[in-house]
Amino acid sequence: MNTIYAQGGSVLRRHMVALIGISLCFYFTYHTLQGSRSVPRLVAVNSSIATMSQKNDALRLEREILEKKVASMRPGQVDKDLLDEKVRLNLGFKRPDELLVVSN
């Protein structure tokens, strides 16, 4: 009699559930460690999110500063010091007794 066929059916049939289970374990383990949705990719994405959040916070702060400058330059609310600074810087106006030094 053939050894594959034993008294309760074939060896493959008796161990089919275990083989399928082991195969599924290998499949999910492989895709957990490799691929586009793996654990290392998740760590990289979380790191990228943290970096982008820091950049977003810095840009939000810069935007608030610029909004305050723009608000101070609106008609009727002009800050005379800011206006004087911008006129001197952009147009090159100065008083006769002043020396204008522009640096970038």
C-alpha atoms as a PDB file:
ATOM      1  CA  MET A   1       0.000   0.000   0.000  1.00  0.00           C
ATOM      2  CA  ASN A   2       1.191   3.499  -0.762  1.00  0.00           C
ATOM      3  CA  THR A   3       2.501   5.511   2.237  1.00  0.00           C
ATOM      4  CA  ILE A   4       0.638   8.665   1.223  1.00  0.00           C
ATOM      5  CA  TYR A   5      -2.655   6.874   1.639  1.00  0.00           C
ATOM      6  CA  ALA A   6      -3.054   5.761   5.210  1.00  0.00           C
ATOM      7  CA  GLN A   7      -6.030   4.625   7.189  1.00  0.00           C
ATOM      8  CA  GLY A   8      -7.911   7.894   7.727  1.00  0.00           C
ATOM      9  CA  GLY A   9      -7.399   9.370   4.277  1.00  0.00           C
ATOM     10  CA  SER A  10      -4.321  10.839   2.714  1.00  0.00           C
ATOM     11  CA  VAL A  11      -1.569  12.531   4.707  1.00  0.00           C
ATOM     12  CA  LEU A  12      -2.131  15.703   2.700  1.00  0.00           C
ATOM     13  CA  ARG A  13      -5.815  15.789   3.569  1.00  0.00           C
ATOM     14  CA  ARG A  14      -5.148  15.268   7.273  1.00  0.00           C
ATOM     15  CA  HIS A  15      -2.613  18.108   7.373  1.00  0.00           C
ATOM     16  CA  MET A  16      -4.311  20.428   4.872  1.00  0.00           C
ATOM     17  CA  VAL A  17      -5.512  22.868   7.544  1.00  0.00           C
ATOM     18  CA  ALA A  18      -2.038  23.053   9.085  1.00  0.00           C
ATOM     19  CA  LEU A  19      -0.427  23.616   5.661  1.00  0.00           C
ATOM     20  CA  ILE A  20      -2.888  26.372   4.826  1.00  0.00           C
ATOM     21  CA  GLY A  21      -2.309  27.959   8.235  1.00  0.00           C
ATOM     22  CA  ILE A  22       1.466  27.850   7.867  1.00  0.00           C
ATOM     23  CA  SER A  23       1.207  29.259   4.336  1.00  0.00           C
ATOM     24  CA  LEU A  24      -0.968  32.126   5.552  1.00  0.00           C
ATOM     25  CA  CYS A  25       1.471  32.851   8.376  1.00  0.00           C
ATOM     26  CA  PHE A  26       4.376  33.044   5.922  1.00  0.00           C
ATOM     27  CA  TYR A  27       2.340  35.220   3.557  1.00  0.00           C
ATOM     28  CA  PHE A  28       1.338  37.768   6.206  1.00  0.00           C
ATOM     29  CA  THR A  29       4.783  37.766   7.821  1.00  0.00           C
ATOM     30  CA  TYR A  30       6.433  38.498   4.484  1.00  0.00           C
ATOM     31  CA  HIS A  31       4.055  41.357   3.704  1.00  0.00           C
ATOM     32  CA  THR A  32       4.412  42.767   7.214  1.00  0.00           C
ATOM     33  CA  LEU A  33       8.179  43.048   6.750  1.00  0.00           C
ATOM     34  CA  GLN A  34       8.324  43.878   3.020  1.00  0.00           C
ATOM     35  CA  GLY A  35       6.213  45.885   0.610  1.00  0.00           C
ATOM     36  CA  SER A  36       4.489  49.238   0.387  1.00  0.00           C
ATOM     37  CA  ARG A  37       2.425  48.768   3.565  1.00  0.00           C
ATOM     38  CA  SER A  38       5.100  47.195   5.742  1.00  0.00           C
ATOM     39  CA  VAL A  39       6.205  48.188   9.217  1.00  0.00           C
ATOM     40  CA  PRO A  40       9.444  49.897   8.009  1.00  0.00           C
ATOM     41  CA  ARG A  41       7.401  51.913   5.514  1.00  0.00           C
ATOM     42  CA  LEU A  42       5.015  52.938   8.305  1.00  0.00           C
ATOM     43  CA  VAL A  43       7.955  54.167  10.382  1.00  0.00           C
ATOM     44  CA  ALA A  44       9.267  56.156   7.402  1.00  0.00           C
ATOM     45  CA  VAL A  45       5.862  57.715   6.763  1.00  0.00           C
ATOM     46  CA  ASN A  46       5.495  58.695  10.427  1.00  0.00           C
ATOM     47  CA  SER A  47       8.939  60.301  10.324  1.00  0.00           C
ATOM     48  CA  SER A  48       7.969  62.191   7.184  1.00  0.00           C
ATOM     49  CA  ILE A  49       4.770  63.376   8.848  1.00  0.00           C
ATOM     50  CA  ALA A  50       6.741  64.710  11.825  1.00  0.00           C
ATOM     51  CA  THR A  51       9.140  66.588   9.524  1.00  0.00           C
ATOM     52  CA  MET A  52       6.303  68.064   7.490  1.00  0.00           C
ATOM     53  CA  SER A  53       4.477  69.122  10.667  1.00  0.00           C
ATOM     54  CA  GLN A  54       7.544  71.042  11.831  1.00  0.00           C
ATOM     55  CA  LYS A  55       7.827  72.776   8.442  1.00  0.00           C
ATOM     56  CA  ASN A  56       4.116  73.543   8.552  1.00  0.00           C
ATOM     57  CA  ASP A  57       4.435  75.142  11.994  1.00  0.00           C
ATOM     58  CA  ALA A  58       7.377  77.280  10.843  1.00  0.00           C
ATOM     59  CA  LEU A  59       5.493  78.426   7.734  1.00  0.00           C
ATOM     60  CA  ARG A  60       2.374  79.168   9.783  1.00  0.00           C
ATOM     61  CA  LEU A  61       4.447  81.381  12.105  1.00  0.00           C
ATOM     62  CA  GLU A  62       6.012  83.167   9.134  1.00  0.00           C
ATOM     63  CA  ARG A  63       2.570  83.731   7.649  1.00  0.00           C
ATOM     64  CA  GLU A  64       1.284  85.242  10.902  1.00  0.00           C
ATOM     65  CA  ILE A  65       4.237  87.656  10.964  1.00  0.00           C
ATOM     66  CA  LEU A  66       3.564  88.697   7.364  1.00  0.00           C
ATOM     67  CA  GLU A  67      -0.149  89.127   8.070  1.00  0.00           C
ATOM     68  CA  LYS A  68       0.676  91.481  10.953  1.00  0.00           C
ATOM     69  CA  LYS A  69       2.941  93.526   8.673  1.00  0.00           C
ATOM     70  CA  VAL A  70       0.256  93.719   5.997  1.00  0.00           C
ATOM     71  CA  ALA A  71      -2.376  94.694   8.553  1.00  0.00           C
ATOM     72  CA  SER A  72      -0.161  97.552   9.759  1.00  0.00           C
ATOM     73  CA  MET A  73       0.134  98.872   6.180  1.00  0.00           C
ATOM     74  CA  ARG A  74      -3.602  99.085   5.426  1.00  0.00           C
ATOM     75  CA  PRO A  75      -5.037 102.544   4.710  1.00  0.00           C
ATOM     76  CA  GLY A  76      -6.104 104.314   7.878  1.00  0.00           C
ATOM     77  CA  GLN A  77      -3.919 102.082  10.046  1.00  0.00           C
ATOM     78  CA  VAL A  78      -0.492 102.906   8.667  1.00  0.00           C
ATOM     79  CA  ASP A  79       2.336 102.544  11.152  1.00  0.00           C
ATOM     80  CA  LYS A  80       4.523 105.584  10.518  1.00  0.00           C
ATOM     81  CA  ASP A  81       7.746 103.839  11.541  1.00  0.00           C
ATOM     82  CA  LEU A  82       7.093 100.928   9.196  1.00  0.00           C
ATOM     83  CA  LEU A  83       6.170 103.300   6.380  1.00  0.00           C
ATOM     84  CA  ASP A  84       9.348 105.314   6.956  1.00  0.00           C
ATOM     85  CA  GLU A  85      11.443 102.132   6.917  1.00  0.00           C
ATOM     86  CA  LYS A  86       9.882 100.865   3.685  1.00  0.00           C
ATOM     87  CA  VAL A  87      10.225 104.241   1.914  1.00  0.00           C
ATOM     88  CA  ARG A  88      13.881 104.500   2.863  1.00  0.00           C
ATOM     89  CA  LEU A  89      14.618 100.906   1.889  1.00  0.00           C
ATOM     90  CA  ASN A  90      12.678 100.678  -1.376  1.00  0.00           C
ATOM     91  CA  LEU A  91      12.926 104.220  -2.699  1.00  0.00           C
ATOM     92  CA  GLY A  92      16.282 105.198  -1.261  1.00  0.00           C
ATOM     93  CA  PHE A  93      14.968 108.383   0.384  1.00  0.00           C
ATOM     94  CA  LYS A  94      16.997 109.860   3.208  1.00  0.00           C
ATOM     95  CA  ARG A  95      17.474 113.122   4.999  1.00  0.00           C
ATOM     96  CA  PRO A  96      20.447 115.253   4.023  1.00  0.00           C
ATOM     97  CA  ASP A  97      22.208 114.606   7.334  1.00  0.00           C
ATOM     98  CA  GLU A  98      21.809 110.807   7.129  1.00  0.00           C
ATOM     99  CA  LEU A  99      23.993 108.119   5.627  1.00  0.00           C
ATOM    100  CA  LEU A 100      22.064 105.224   4.059  1.00  0.00           C
ATOM    101  CA  VAL A 101      23.610 101.800   4.462  1.00  0.00           C
ATOM    102  CA  VAL A 102      21.749  98.886   2.836  1.00  0.00           C
ATOM    103  CA  SER A 103      22.827  95.337   3.518  1.00  0.00           C
ATOM    104  CA  ASN A 104      21.318  92.063   2.389  1.00  0.00           C
END
